[in-house]
Amino acid sequence: MGGQIVIEQLEFRGRCGVTPEERTRPQPLAVDLELDCRLSAAGLSDDLVHTIDYAKVAQLVIDIGTVQESQLLETLGERLLAALFDEFPISRVKLWLRKLHPPISFVTRSVGICIERTRLAQQVVRADPPPAQFLIQQLHRLPKGKVLDVASGSGRHALFLASLGYQVEAVDRDEQALTQLSAVARTRHLSGISSRVLDLEQSPPWGPNLGHETYDVILIFFYLNRPLLPYLIDALKPGGVLLYETFTIDNHVRHQHPKRREFCLAPCELLSLTPGLRVLHYDEGLHERTNELDSVYTAQLAAQKPLTSGPST
């Protein structure tokens, strides 16, 4: 069962301040932590190896807070969150970080920040570039297993899903982009990514070599190749999920992007291109793009391939 490790009023002296004067002399800082984790095994075994050692948590915070200089509490807070998620099996962190004696008139106690974040949210924060909002929103629908990232480019979605434990195959005709993806995966120690150079628009007469009922999840973002859809559906395992988002004709009309109309979906066209799949979510309209100010007109589809029916009697 779940529980919390709680550390209150962990105090140390750190160099944090906007002005050089503030950073010249260490000043008193304090941290309060709530760490969500599994405690039941430790309660039964009475053994420290089955829980999180709060002395190690405290030492990690002190090591970072006393050694690394920062201008903002927000920066220090992000460093602490990243280290806590990296080092300990926790699902959520609530962190309260504050200056105990801030150089501000009339503040008689402290100033600080409070951040609450789950492990999944931390993965999104650290992703560069970040995954599409639609992928994050539909993540709960995706079965664990093997993923095909179609027209992956440099692989922002492949990297994100691999960090969550998925086995991802990225296909794209841009060999340089896939080389970059492999290099980033190695840097991040993500072993669950493979890549394949494949021109999906120059396939042999029998179609692209995607296999039959091979993938648990297939992703397509901002790429439209209508003749490819039957091969993708065939490559999806029974019970597997297709996640698709791309531009509609409204985006072409309003923003002149994409420049060619044939690269945009007509109203409800995506549904007609994916017959036989069970629609889990469908929406057309104006949608936000991750970390971008402008919204775009897209169609969003999450659909599941029906389970294979049993033999008739």
C-alpha atoms as a PDB file:
ATOM      1  CA  MET A   1       0.000   0.000   0.000  1.00  0.00           C
ATOM      2  CA  GLY A   2       1.054   3.601  -0.561  1.00  0.00           C
ATOM      3  CA  GLY A   3       2.223   6.068   2.032  1.00  0.00           C
ATOM      4  CA  GLN A   4       4.389   9.119   2.542  1.00  0.00           C
ATOM      5  CA  ILE A   5       7.852   9.919   3.784  1.00  0.00           C
ATOM      6  CA  VAL A   6       7.669  13.367   5.430  1.00  0.00           C
ATOM      7  CA  ILE A   7      10.652  15.585   6.249  1.00  0.00           C
ATOM      8  CA  GLU A   8       9.939  18.884   7.979  1.00  0.00           C
ATOM      9  CA  GLN A   9      12.187  21.928   8.370  1.00  0.00           C
ATOM     10  CA  LEU A  10      15.376  20.587   6.807  1.00  0.00           C
ATOM     11  CA  GLU A  11      17.696  23.586   7.205  1.00  0.00           C
ATOM     12  CA  PHE A  12      21.014  24.401   5.534  1.00  0.00           C
ATOM     13  CA  ARG A  13      22.906  27.425   4.245  1.00  0.00           C
ATOM     14  CA  GLY A  14      22.934  27.948   0.495  1.00  0.00           C
ATOM     15  CA  ARG A  15      23.869  30.561  -2.095  1.00  0.00           C
ATOM     16  CA  CYS A  16      20.609  31.619  -3.720  1.00  0.00           C
ATOM     17  CA  GLY A  17      19.705  35.139  -4.756  1.00  0.00           C
ATOM     18  CA  VAL A  18      19.166  37.448  -7.703  1.00  0.00           C
ATOM     19  CA  THR A  19      21.848  39.926  -6.655  1.00  0.00           C
ATOM     20  CA  PRO A  20      25.549  39.035  -6.392  1.00  0.00           C
ATOM     21  CA  GLU A  21      25.449  40.290  -2.797  1.00  0.00           C
ATOM     22  CA  GLU A  22      22.872  37.637  -1.881  1.00  0.00           C
ATOM     23  CA  ARG A  23      25.021  34.908  -3.393  1.00  0.00           C
ATOM     24  CA  THR A  24      28.239  36.107  -1.778  1.00  0.00           C
ATOM     25  CA  ARG A  25      27.347  34.742   1.657  1.00  0.00           C
ATOM     26  CA  PRO A  26      25.358  31.534   2.248  1.00  0.00           C
ATOM     27  CA  GLN A  27      21.957  32.267   3.744  1.00  0.00           C
ATOM     28  CA  PRO A  28      19.625  30.015   5.738  1.00  0.00           C
ATOM     29  CA  LEU A  29      17.220  27.976   3.608  1.00  0.00           C
ATOM     30  CA  ALA A  30      14.634  25.412   4.651  1.00  0.00           C
ATOM     31  CA  VAL A  31      12.951  22.521   2.846  1.00  0.00           C
ATOM     32  CA  ASP A  32       9.850  20.505   3.697  1.00  0.00           C
ATOM     33  CA  LEU A  33       9.177  17.332   1.720  1.00  0.00           C
ATOM     34  CA  GLU A  34       6.331  14.875   1.196  1.00  0.00           C
ATOM     35  CA  LEU A  35       7.360  11.808  -0.834  1.00  0.00           C
ATOM     36  CA  ASP A  36       4.701   9.347  -1.970  1.00  0.00           C
ATOM     37  CA  CYS A  37       6.021   5.785  -1.991  1.00  0.00           C
ATOM     38  CA  ARG A  38       5.238   2.179  -1.044  1.00  0.00           C
ATOM     39  CA  LEU A  39       5.677   1.508   2.684  1.00  0.00           C
ATOM     40  CA  SER A  40       3.836  -1.769   3.247  1.00  0.00           C
ATOM     41  CA  ALA A  41       6.847  -4.036   2.645  1.00  0.00           C
ATOM     42  CA  ALA A  42       8.923  -2.148   5.211  1.00  0.00           C
ATOM     43  CA  GLY A  43       6.089  -2.320   7.726  1.00  0.00           C
ATOM     44  CA  LEU A  44       6.058  -6.111   7.445  1.00  0.00           C
ATOM     45  CA  SER A  45       9.816  -6.703   7.276  1.00  0.00           C
ATOM     46  CA  ASP A  46      11.098  -3.973   9.599  1.00  0.00           C
ATOM     47  CA  ASP A  47      14.017  -3.658   7.171  1.00  0.00           C
ATOM     48  CA  LEU A  48      15.393  -0.359   5.852  1.00  0.00           C
ATOM     49  CA  VAL A  49      16.045  -1.849   2.398  1.00  0.00           C
ATOM     50  CA  HIS A  50      12.280  -2.018   1.803  1.00  0.00           C
ATOM     51  CA  THR A  51      11.697   1.691   2.244  1.00  0.00           C
ATOM     52  CA  ILE A  52      13.279   5.063   1.472  1.00  0.00           C
ATOM     53  CA  ASP A  53      16.066   6.105   3.805  1.00  0.00           C
ATOM     54  CA  TYR A  54      15.103   9.644   4.786  1.00  0.00           C
ATOM     55  CA  ALA A  55      18.665  10.296   5.981  1.00  0.00           C
ATOM     56  CA  LYS A  56      19.821   9.773   2.365  1.00  0.00           C
ATOM     57  CA  VAL A  57      17.050  12.063   1.131  1.00  0.00           C
ATOM     58  CA  ALA A  58      18.165  14.768   3.552  1.00  0.00           C
ATOM     59  CA  GLN A  59      21.807  14.380   2.569  1.00  0.00           C
ATOM     60  CA  LEU A  60      20.953  14.643  -1.135  1.00  0.00           C
ATOM     61  CA  VAL A  61      19.051  17.894  -0.546  1.00  0.00           C
ATOM     62  CA  ILE A  62      21.903  19.326   1.534  1.00  0.00           C
ATOM     63  CA  ASP A  63      24.530  18.299  -1.029  1.00  0.00           C
ATOM     64  CA  ILE A  64      22.685  20.099  -3.814  1.00  0.00           C
ATOM     65  CA  GLY A  65      21.555  23.074  -1.763  1.00  0.00           C
ATOM     66  CA  THR A  66      24.938  23.878  -0.272  1.00  0.00           C
ATOM     67  CA  VAL A  67      27.125  23.292  -3.332  1.00  0.00           C
ATOM     68  CA  GLN A  68      25.179  24.579  -6.339  1.00  0.00           C
ATOM     69  CA  GLU A  69      24.639  28.322  -6.704  1.00  0.00           C
ATOM     70  CA  SER A  70      21.414  29.688  -8.213  1.00  0.00           C
ATOM     71  CA  GLN A  71      19.670  33.012  -8.649  1.00  0.00           C
ATOM     72  CA  LEU A  72      16.120  31.734  -8.140  1.00  0.00           C
ATOM     73  CA  LEU A  73      14.487  29.417  -5.655  1.00  0.00           C
ATOM     74  CA  GLU A  74      12.613  27.986  -8.637  1.00  0.00           C
ATOM     75  CA  THR A  75      15.903  26.840 -10.171  1.00  0.00           C
ATOM     76  CA  LEU A  76      17.045  25.210  -6.960  1.00  0.00           C
ATOM     77  CA  GLY A  77      13.635  23.581  -6.568  1.00  0.00           C
ATOM     78  CA  GLU A  78      13.811  22.034 -10.039  1.00  0.00           C
ATOM     79  CA  ARG A  79      17.279  20.655  -9.305  1.00  0.00           C
ATOM     80  CA  LEU A  80      16.025  19.065  -6.108  1.00  0.00           C
ATOM     81  CA  LEU A  81      12.973  17.544  -7.819  1.00  0.00           C
ATOM     82  CA  ALA A  82      15.067  16.072 -10.642  1.00  0.00           C
ATOM     83  CA  ALA A  83      17.503  14.501  -8.185  1.00  0.00           C
ATOM     84  CA  LEU A  84      14.774  13.070  -5.945  1.00  0.00           C
ATOM     85  CA  PHE A  85      12.958  11.379  -8.845  1.00  0.00           C
ATOM     86  CA  ASP A  86      16.249  10.078 -10.232  1.00  0.00           C
ATOM     87  CA  GLU A  87      17.498   8.621  -6.957  1.00  0.00           C
ATOM     88  CA  PHE A  88      14.409   7.271  -5.190  1.00  0.00           C
ATOM     89  CA  PRO A  89      11.340   5.148  -6.142  1.00  0.00           C
ATOM     90  CA  ILE A  90       8.767   7.847  -5.423  1.00  0.00           C
ATOM     91  CA  SER A  91       5.574   8.572  -7.355  1.00  0.00           C
ATOM     92  CA  ARG A  92       4.937  12.142  -6.179  1.00  0.00           C
ATOM     93  CA  VAL A  93       6.860  14.941  -4.469  1.00  0.00           C
ATOM     94  CA  LYS A  94       5.568  17.976  -2.641  1.00  0.00           C
ATOM     95  CA  LEU A  95       8.408  20.402  -1.960  1.00  0.00           C
ATOM     96  CA  TRP A  96       8.304  23.649   0.051  1.00  0.00           C
ATOM     97  CA  LEU A  97      11.535  25.642  -0.286  1.00  0.00           C
ATOM     98  CA  ARG A  98      12.025  28.976   1.415  1.00  0.00           C
ATOM     99  CA  LYS A  99      14.472  31.655   2.550  1.00  0.00           C
ATOM    100  CA  LEU A 100      14.268  31.984   6.316  1.00  0.00           C
ATOM    101  CA  HIS A 101      15.695  35.521   6.471  1.00  0.00           C
ATOM    102  CA  PRO A 102      14.978  37.194   3.133  1.00  0.00           C
ATOM    103  CA  PRO A 103      16.428  40.676   2.531  1.00  0.00           C
ATOM    104  CA  ILE A 104      12.968  42.207   2.161  1.00  0.00           C
ATOM    105  CA  SER A 105      11.538  44.881   4.435  1.00  0.00           C
ATOM    106  CA  PHE A 106       8.492  43.931   6.505  1.00  0.00           C
ATOM    107  CA  VAL A 107       8.799  40.181   5.839  1.00  0.00           C
ATOM    108  CA  THR A 108       9.132  38.840   9.361  1.00  0.00           C
ATOM    109  CA  ARG A 109       9.274  35.100   8.633  1.00  0.00           C
ATOM    110  CA  SER A 110      10.096  33.620   5.226  1.00  0.00           C
ATOM    111  CA  VAL A 111       9.485  33.679   1.477  1.00  0.00           C
ATOM    112  CA  GLY A 112       9.512  30.649  -0.765  1.00  0.00           C
ATOM    113  CA  ILE A 113       7.937  28.385  -3.338  1.00  0.00           C
ATOM    114  CA  CYS A 114       5.831  25.241  -3.158  1.00  0.00           C
ATOM    115  CA  ILE A 115       5.875  22.664  -5.979  1.00  0.00           C
ATOM    116  CA  GLU A 116       3.850  19.454  -6.203  1.00  0.00           C
ATOM    117  CA  ARG A 117       4.690  17.046  -9.033  1.00  0.00           C
ATOM    118  CA  THR A 118       4.119  13.442 -10.052  1.00  0.00           C
ATOM    119  CA  ARG A 119       6.741  11.250 -11.702  1.00  0.00           C
ATOM    120  CA  LEU A 120       4.862  11.402 -15.004  1.00  0.00           C
ATOM    121  CA  ALA A 121       4.706  15.199 -14.879  1.00  0.00           C
ATOM    122  CA  GLN A 122       8.439  15.238 -14.186  1.00  0.00           C
ATOM    123  CA  GLN A 123       9.067  13.172 -17.310  1.00  0.00           C
ATOM    124  CA  VAL A 124       7.105  15.738 -19.334  1.00  0.00           C
ATOM    125  CA  VAL A 125       8.994  18.659 -17.799  1.00  0.00           C
ATOM    126  CA  ARG A 126      12.359  17.093 -18.634  1.00  0.00           C
ATOM    127  CA  ALA A 127      11.424  16.071 -22.173  1.00  0.00           C
ATOM    128  CA  ASP A 128      13.115  18.262 -24.785  1.00  0.00           C
ATOM    129  CA  PRO A 129      11.285  18.863 -26.992  1.00  0.00           C
ATOM    130  CA  PRO A 130       8.153  17.966 -25.027  1.00  0.00           C
ATOM    131  CA  PRO A 131       5.628  15.417 -26.299  1.00  0.00           C
ATOM    132  CA  ALA A 132       2.335  16.481 -27.839  1.00  0.00           C
ATOM    133  CA  GLN A 133      -0.438  17.358 -25.415  1.00  0.00           C
ATOM    134  CA  PHE A 134      -2.689  14.780 -27.069  1.00  0.00           C
ATOM    135  CA  LEU A 135      -0.214  12.002 -26.296  1.00  0.00           C
ATOM    136  CA  ILE A 136      -0.049  13.064 -22.653  1.00  0.00           C
ATOM    137  CA  GLN A 137      -3.843  13.246 -22.419  1.00  0.00           C
ATOM    138  CA  GLN A 138      -4.320   9.778 -23.923  1.00  0.00           C
ATOM    139  CA  LEU A 139      -1.425   8.073 -22.169  1.00  0.00           C
ATOM    140  CA  HIS A 140      -3.774   6.157 -19.865  1.00  0.00           C
ATOM    141  CA  ARG A 141      -5.305   4.420 -22.897  1.00  0.00           C
ATOM    142  CA  LEU A 142      -2.030   3.028 -24.241  1.00  0.00           C
ATOM    143  CA  PRO A 143      -1.300  -0.620 -23.442  1.00  0.00           C
ATOM    144  CA  LYS A 144       2.231  -1.416 -22.358  1.00  0.00           C
ATOM    145  CA  GLY A 145       4.340  -3.114 -24.982  1.00  0.00           C
ATOM    146  CA  LYS A 146       5.797  -2.331 -28.396  1.00  0.00           C
ATOM    147  CA  VAL A 147       5.215   1.046 -30.031  1.00  0.00           C
ATOM    148  CA  LEU A 148       5.620   2.119 -33.658  1.00  0.00           C
ATOM    149  CA  ASP A 149       6.361   5.840 -34.025  1.00  0.00           C
ATOM    150  CA  VAL A 150       5.510   6.659 -37.652  1.00  0.00           C
ATOM    151  CA  ALA A 151       7.416   9.495 -39.358  1.00  0.00           C
ATOM    152  CA  SER A 152       9.132  10.018 -36.033  1.00  0.00           C
ATOM    153  CA  GLY A 153      11.620  12.701 -37.056  1.00  0.00           C
ATOM    154  CA  SER A 154      14.103  13.218 -34.220  1.00  0.00           C
ATOM    155  CA  GLY A 155      11.837  11.189 -31.952  1.00  0.00           C
ATOM    156  CA  ARG A 156      10.355  13.380 -29.216  1.00  0.00           C
ATOM    157  CA  HIS A 157       7.542  10.868 -28.683  1.00  0.00           C
ATOM    158  CA  ALA A 158       9.825   7.847 -28.925  1.00  0.00           C
ATOM    159  CA  LEU A 159      12.117   9.305 -26.249  1.00  0.00           C
ATOM    160  CA  PHE A 160       9.201  10.169 -23.988  1.00  0.00           C
ATOM    161  CA  LEU A 161       7.559   6.738 -24.180  1.00  0.00           C
ATOM    162  CA  ALA A 162      10.891   4.922 -23.827  1.00  0.00           C
ATOM    163  CA  SER A 163      11.483   6.856 -20.608  1.00  0.00           C
ATOM    164  CA  LEU A 164       8.202   5.375 -19.345  1.00  0.00           C
ATOM    165  CA  GLY A 165       9.249   1.806 -20.124  1.00  0.00           C
ATOM    166  CA  TYR A 166       7.803   1.260 -23.617  1.00  0.00           C
ATOM    167  CA  GLN A 167       9.743  -0.516 -26.354  1.00  0.00           C
ATOM    168  CA  VAL A 168       9.656   1.905 -29.282  1.00  0.00           C
ATOM    169  CA  GLU A 169      10.540   1.468 -32.947  1.00  0.00           C
ATOM    170  CA  ALA A 170      10.909   4.785 -34.790  1.00  0.00           C
ATOM    171  CA  VAL A 171      10.596   4.844 -38.578  1.00  0.00           C
ATOM    172  CA  ASP A 172      11.361   7.799 -40.821  1.00  0.00           C
ATOM    173  CA  ARG A 173      13.000   8.428 -44.179  1.00  0.00           C
ATOM    174  CA  ASP A 174      15.346  11.028 -42.630  1.00  0.00           C
ATOM    175  CA  GLU A 175      18.441   9.038 -41.716  1.00  0.00           C
ATOM    176  CA  GLN A 176      20.087  12.053 -40.071  1.00  0.00           C
ATOM    177  CA  ALA A 177      17.106  12.561 -37.743  1.00  0.00           C
ATOM    178  CA  LEU A 178      17.182   8.906 -36.702  1.00  0.00           C
ATOM    179  CA  THR A 179      20.927   9.101 -36.074  1.00  0.00           C
ATOM    180  CA  GLN A 180      20.264  12.063 -33.796  1.00  0.00           C
ATOM    181  CA  LEU A 181      17.524  10.101 -32.024  1.00  0.00           C
ATOM    182  CA  SER A 182      19.867   7.182 -31.371  1.00  0.00           C
ATOM    183  CA  ALA A 183      22.525   9.524 -29.993  1.00  0.00           C
ATOM    184  CA  VAL A 184      20.086  11.198 -27.605  1.00  0.00           C
ATOM    185  CA  ALA A 185      18.759   7.801 -26.490  1.00  0.00           C
ATOM    186  CA  ARG A 186      22.289   6.690 -25.619  1.00  0.00           C
ATOM    187  CA  THR A 187      22.944   9.905 -23.705  1.00  0.00           C
ATOM    188  CA  ARG A 188      19.769   9.355 -21.666  1.00  0.00           C
ATOM    189  CA  HIS A 189      20.525   5.637 -21.203  1.00  0.00           C
ATOM    190  CA  LEU A 190      17.273   4.628 -22.932  1.00  0.00           C
ATOM    191  CA  SER A 191      17.762   1.117 -24.265  1.00  0.00           C
ATOM    192  CA  GLY A 192      14.161   0.621 -25.390  1.00  0.00           C
ATOM    193  CA  ILE A 193      14.444   2.528 -28.683  1.00  0.00           C
ATOM    194  CA  SER A 194      15.259   1.123 -32.110  1.00  0.00           C
ATOM    195  CA  SER A 195      15.061   2.966 -35.418  1.00  0.00           C
ATOM    196  CA  ARG A 196      14.668   2.095 -39.074  1.00  0.00           C
ATOM    197  CA  VAL A 197      15.112   4.236 -42.173  1.00  0.00           C
ATOM    198  CA  LEU A 198      11.951   3.737 -44.212  1.00  0.00           C
ATOM    199  CA  ASP A 199      10.447   5.868 -46.956  1.00  0.00           C
ATOM    200  CA  LEU A 200       6.755   5.362 -46.327  1.00  0.00           C
ATOM    201  CA  GLU A 201       5.862   7.072 -49.605  1.00  0.00           C
ATOM    202  CA  GLN A 202       8.140   4.923 -51.791  1.00  0.00           C
ATOM    203  CA  SER A 203       7.002   1.452 -50.773  1.00  0.00           C
ATOM    204  CA  PRO A 204       7.106  -1.699 -52.904  1.00  0.00           C
ATOM    205  CA  PRO A 205       3.856  -2.793 -54.568  1.00  0.00           C
ATOM    206  CA  TRP A 206       2.873  -4.967 -51.603  1.00  0.00           C
ATOM    207  CA  GLY A 207       3.181  -2.089 -49.149  1.00  0.00           C
ATOM    208  CA  PRO A 208       5.629  -1.070 -46.440  1.00  0.00           C
ATOM    209  CA  ASN A 209       7.229  -3.777 -44.342  1.00  0.00           C
ATOM    210  CA  LEU A 210       5.472  -3.098 -41.039  1.00  0.00           C
ATOM    211  CA  GLY A 211       4.512  -6.653 -40.148  1.00  0.00           C
ATOM    212  CA  HIS A 212       1.193  -8.203 -39.217  1.00  0.00           C
ATOM    213  CA  GLU A 213      -0.279  -7.606 -35.740  1.00  0.00           C
ATOM    214  CA  THR A 214       3.130  -6.512 -34.481  1.00  0.00           C
ATOM    215  CA  TYR A 215       2.563  -3.400 -32.369  1.00  0.00           C
ATOM    216  CA  ASP A 216       0.580  -2.633 -29.224  1.00  0.00           C
ATOM    217  CA  VAL A 217       0.551   1.096 -30.010  1.00  0.00           C
ATOM    218  CA  ILE A 218       0.994   3.046 -33.240  1.00  0.00           C
ATOM    219  CA  LEU A 219       1.593   6.806 -33.147  1.00  0.00           C
ATOM    220  CA  ILE A 220       1.175   9.255 -36.021  1.00  0.00           C
ATOM    221  CA  PHE A 221       1.593  12.967 -35.403  1.00  0.00           C
ATOM    222  CA  PHE A 222       1.392  15.628 -38.110  1.00  0.00           C
ATOM    223  CA  TYR A 223       1.951  13.269 -41.006  1.00  0.00           C
ATOM    224  CA  LEU A 224      -0.694  12.316 -43.554  1.00  0.00           C
ATOM    225  CA  ASN A 225      -0.261   9.455 -46.016  1.00  0.00           C
ATOM    226  CA  ARG A 226      -3.723   8.092 -46.757  1.00  0.00           C
ATOM    227  CA  PRO A 227      -2.668   4.877 -48.596  1.00  0.00           C
ATOM    228  CA  LEU A 228      -0.573   3.908 -45.562  1.00  0.00           C
ATOM    229  CA  LEU A 229      -3.497   3.540 -43.156  1.00  0.00           C
ATOM    230  CA  PRO A 230      -4.540  -0.031 -44.098  1.00  0.00           C
ATOM    231  CA  TYR A 231      -0.979  -1.264 -43.531  1.00  0.00           C
ATOM    232  CA  LEU A 232      -0.831   0.462 -40.153  1.00  0.00           C
ATOM    233  CA  ILE A 233      -4.113  -1.047 -39.055  1.00  0.00           C
ATOM    234  CA  ASP A 234      -2.869  -4.475 -40.150  1.00  0.00           C
ATOM    235  CA  ALA A 235       0.334  -3.944 -38.131  1.00  0.00           C
ATOM    236  CA  LEU A 236      -1.662  -3.192 -34.975  1.00  0.00           C
ATOM    237  CA  LYS A 237      -2.230  -6.065 -32.566  1.00  0.00           C
ATOM    238  CA  PRO A 238      -5.788  -6.964 -31.553  1.00  0.00           C
ATOM    239  CA  GLY A 239      -6.528  -4.739 -28.579  1.00  0.00           C
ATOM    240  CA  GLY A 240      -3.821  -2.319 -29.696  1.00  0.00           C
ATOM    241  CA  VAL A 241      -4.364   1.433 -29.903  1.00  0.00           C
ATOM    242  CA  LEU A 242      -3.827   3.841 -32.787  1.00  0.00           C
ATOM    243  CA  LEU A 243      -3.127   7.430 -31.738  1.00  0.00           C
ATOM    244  CA  TYR A 244      -3.334   9.962 -34.542  1.00  0.00           C
ATOM    245  CA  GLU A 245      -3.267  13.760 -34.736  1.00  0.00           C
ATOM    246  CA  THR A 246      -2.741  15.931 -37.781  1.00  0.00           C
ATOM    247  CA  PHE A 247      -3.909  19.137 -39.435  1.00  0.00           C
ATOM    248  CA  THR A 248      -7.412  19.688 -40.764  1.00  0.00           C
ATOM    249  CA  ILE A 249      -8.368  21.830 -43.736  1.00  0.00           C
ATOM    250  CA  ASP A 250      -9.326  24.633 -41.327  1.00  0.00           C
ATOM    251  CA  ASN A 251      -5.663  25.114 -40.463  1.00  0.00           C
ATOM    252  CA  HIS A 252      -4.774  25.466 -44.133  1.00  0.00           C
ATOM    253  CA  VAL A 253      -7.555  28.014 -44.699  1.00  0.00           C
ATOM    254  CA  ARG A 254      -6.837  30.088 -41.582  1.00  0.00           C
ATOM    255  CA  HIS A 255      -3.053  29.800 -41.277  1.00  0.00           C
ATOM    256  CA  GLN A 256      -1.920  28.643 -44.756  1.00  0.00           C
ATOM    257  CA  HIS A 257      -0.196  25.656 -43.156  1.00  0.00           C
ATOM    258  CA  PRO A 258       0.400  23.101 -44.504  1.00  0.00           C
ATOM    259  CA  LYS A 259       0.757  24.921 -47.808  1.00  0.00           C
ATOM    260  CA  ARG A 260      -0.815  22.079 -49.805  1.00  0.00           C
ATOM    261  CA  ARG A 261      -4.448  21.220 -49.146  1.00  0.00           C
ATOM    262  CA  GLU A 262      -3.925  17.503 -49.764  1.00  0.00           C
ATOM    263  CA  PHE A 263      -1.817  17.323 -46.601  1.00  0.00           C
ATOM    264  CA  CYS A 264      -4.868  18.287 -44.531  1.00  0.00           C
ATOM    265  CA  LEU A 265      -7.857  16.232 -43.442  1.00  0.00           C
ATOM    266  CA  ALA A 266     -11.384  17.004 -44.525  1.00  0.00           C
ATOM    267  CA  PRO A 267     -14.115  17.056 -41.851  1.00  0.00           C
ATOM    268  CA  CYS A 268     -14.481  13.580 -40.296  1.00  0.00           C
ATOM    269  CA  GLU A 269     -12.090  12.131 -42.886  1.00  0.00           C
ATOM    270  CA  LEU A 270      -9.859  10.516 -40.270  1.00  0.00           C
ATOM    271  CA  LEU A 271     -12.770   8.382 -39.092  1.00  0.00           C
ATOM    272  CA  SER A 272     -13.428   7.162 -42.628  1.00  0.00           C
ATOM    273  CA  LEU A 273      -9.733   6.289 -43.071  1.00  0.00           C
ATOM    274  CA  THR A 274      -9.722   3.979 -40.037  1.00  0.00           C
ATOM    275  CA  PRO A 275     -12.663   1.596 -40.529  1.00  0.00           C
ATOM    276  CA  GLY A 276     -13.037  -1.341 -38.192  1.00  0.00           C
ATOM    277  CA  LEU A 277     -11.423   0.376 -35.213  1.00  0.00           C
ATOM    278  CA  ARG A 278     -13.353   1.178 -32.048  1.00  0.00           C
ATOM    279  CA  VAL A 279     -13.209   4.908 -31.401  1.00  0.00           C
ATOM    280  CA  LEU A 280     -12.067   5.722 -27.876  1.00  0.00           C
ATOM    281  CA  HIS A 281     -11.725   9.461 -28.428  1.00  0.00           C
ATOM    282  CA  TYR A 282     -12.297  11.751 -31.396  1.00  0.00           C
ATOM    283  CA  ASP A 283     -12.204  15.504 -31.679  1.00  0.00           C
ATOM    284  CA  GLU A 284     -11.765  18.107 -34.399  1.00  0.00           C
ATOM    285  CA  GLY A 285     -11.064  21.739 -33.714  1.00  0.00           C
ATOM    286  CA  LEU A 286      -8.619  24.211 -32.246  1.00  0.00           C
ATOM    287  CA  HIS A 287      -6.018  22.546 -30.036  1.00  0.00           C
ATOM    288  CA  GLU A 288      -3.050  23.846 -28.080  1.00  0.00           C
ATOM    289  CA  ARG A 289       0.465  22.769 -29.037  1.00  0.00           C
ATOM    290  CA  THR A 290       2.968  21.936 -26.316  1.00  0.00           C
ATOM    291  CA  ASN A 291       5.110  24.931 -25.307  1.00  0.00           C
ATOM    292  CA  GLU A 292       3.816  27.004 -28.218  1.00  0.00           C
ATOM    293  CA  LEU A 293       1.699  30.137 -28.046  1.00  0.00           C
ATOM    294  CA  ASP A 294      -0.333  29.451 -31.184  1.00  0.00           C
ATOM    295  CA  SER A 295      -3.055  26.845 -31.363  1.00  0.00           C
ATOM    296  CA  VAL A 296      -3.719  24.781 -34.485  1.00  0.00           C
ATOM    297  CA  TYR A 297      -6.722  23.109 -36.074  1.00  0.00           C
ATOM    298  CA  THR A 298      -6.315  19.349 -35.922  1.00  0.00           C
ATOM    299  CA  ALA A 299      -8.212  16.085 -35.804  1.00  0.00           C
ATOM    300  CA  GLN A 300      -7.377  13.831 -32.856  1.00  0.00           C
ATOM    301  CA  LEU A 301      -8.176  10.121 -32.810  1.00  0.00           C
ATOM    302  CA  ALA A 302      -7.579   7.370 -30.287  1.00  0.00           C
ATOM    303  CA  ALA A 303      -8.949   4.064 -31.595  1.00  0.00           C
ATOM    304  CA  GLN A 304      -8.593   0.421 -30.624  1.00  0.00           C
ATOM    305  CA  LYS A 305      -8.381  -2.628 -32.847  1.00  0.00           C
ATOM    306  CA  PRO A 306     -10.998  -5.184 -31.765  1.00  0.00           C
ATOM    307  CA  LEU A 307      -9.801  -8.357 -30.107  1.00  0.00           C
ATOM    308  CA  THR A 308      -9.670 -11.372 -32.402  1.00  0.00           C
ATOM    309  CA  SER A 309     -12.881 -13.331 -32.110  1.00  0.00           C
ATOM    310  CA  GLY A 310     -12.591 -16.911 -30.936  1.00  0.00           C
ATOM    311  CA  PRO A 311     -13.154 -19.961 -33.191  1.00  0.00           C
ATOM    312  CA  SER A 312     -16.713 -20.704 -34.092  1.00  0.00           C
ATOM    313  CA  THR A 313     -18.354 -23.864 -32.743  1.00  0.00           C
END
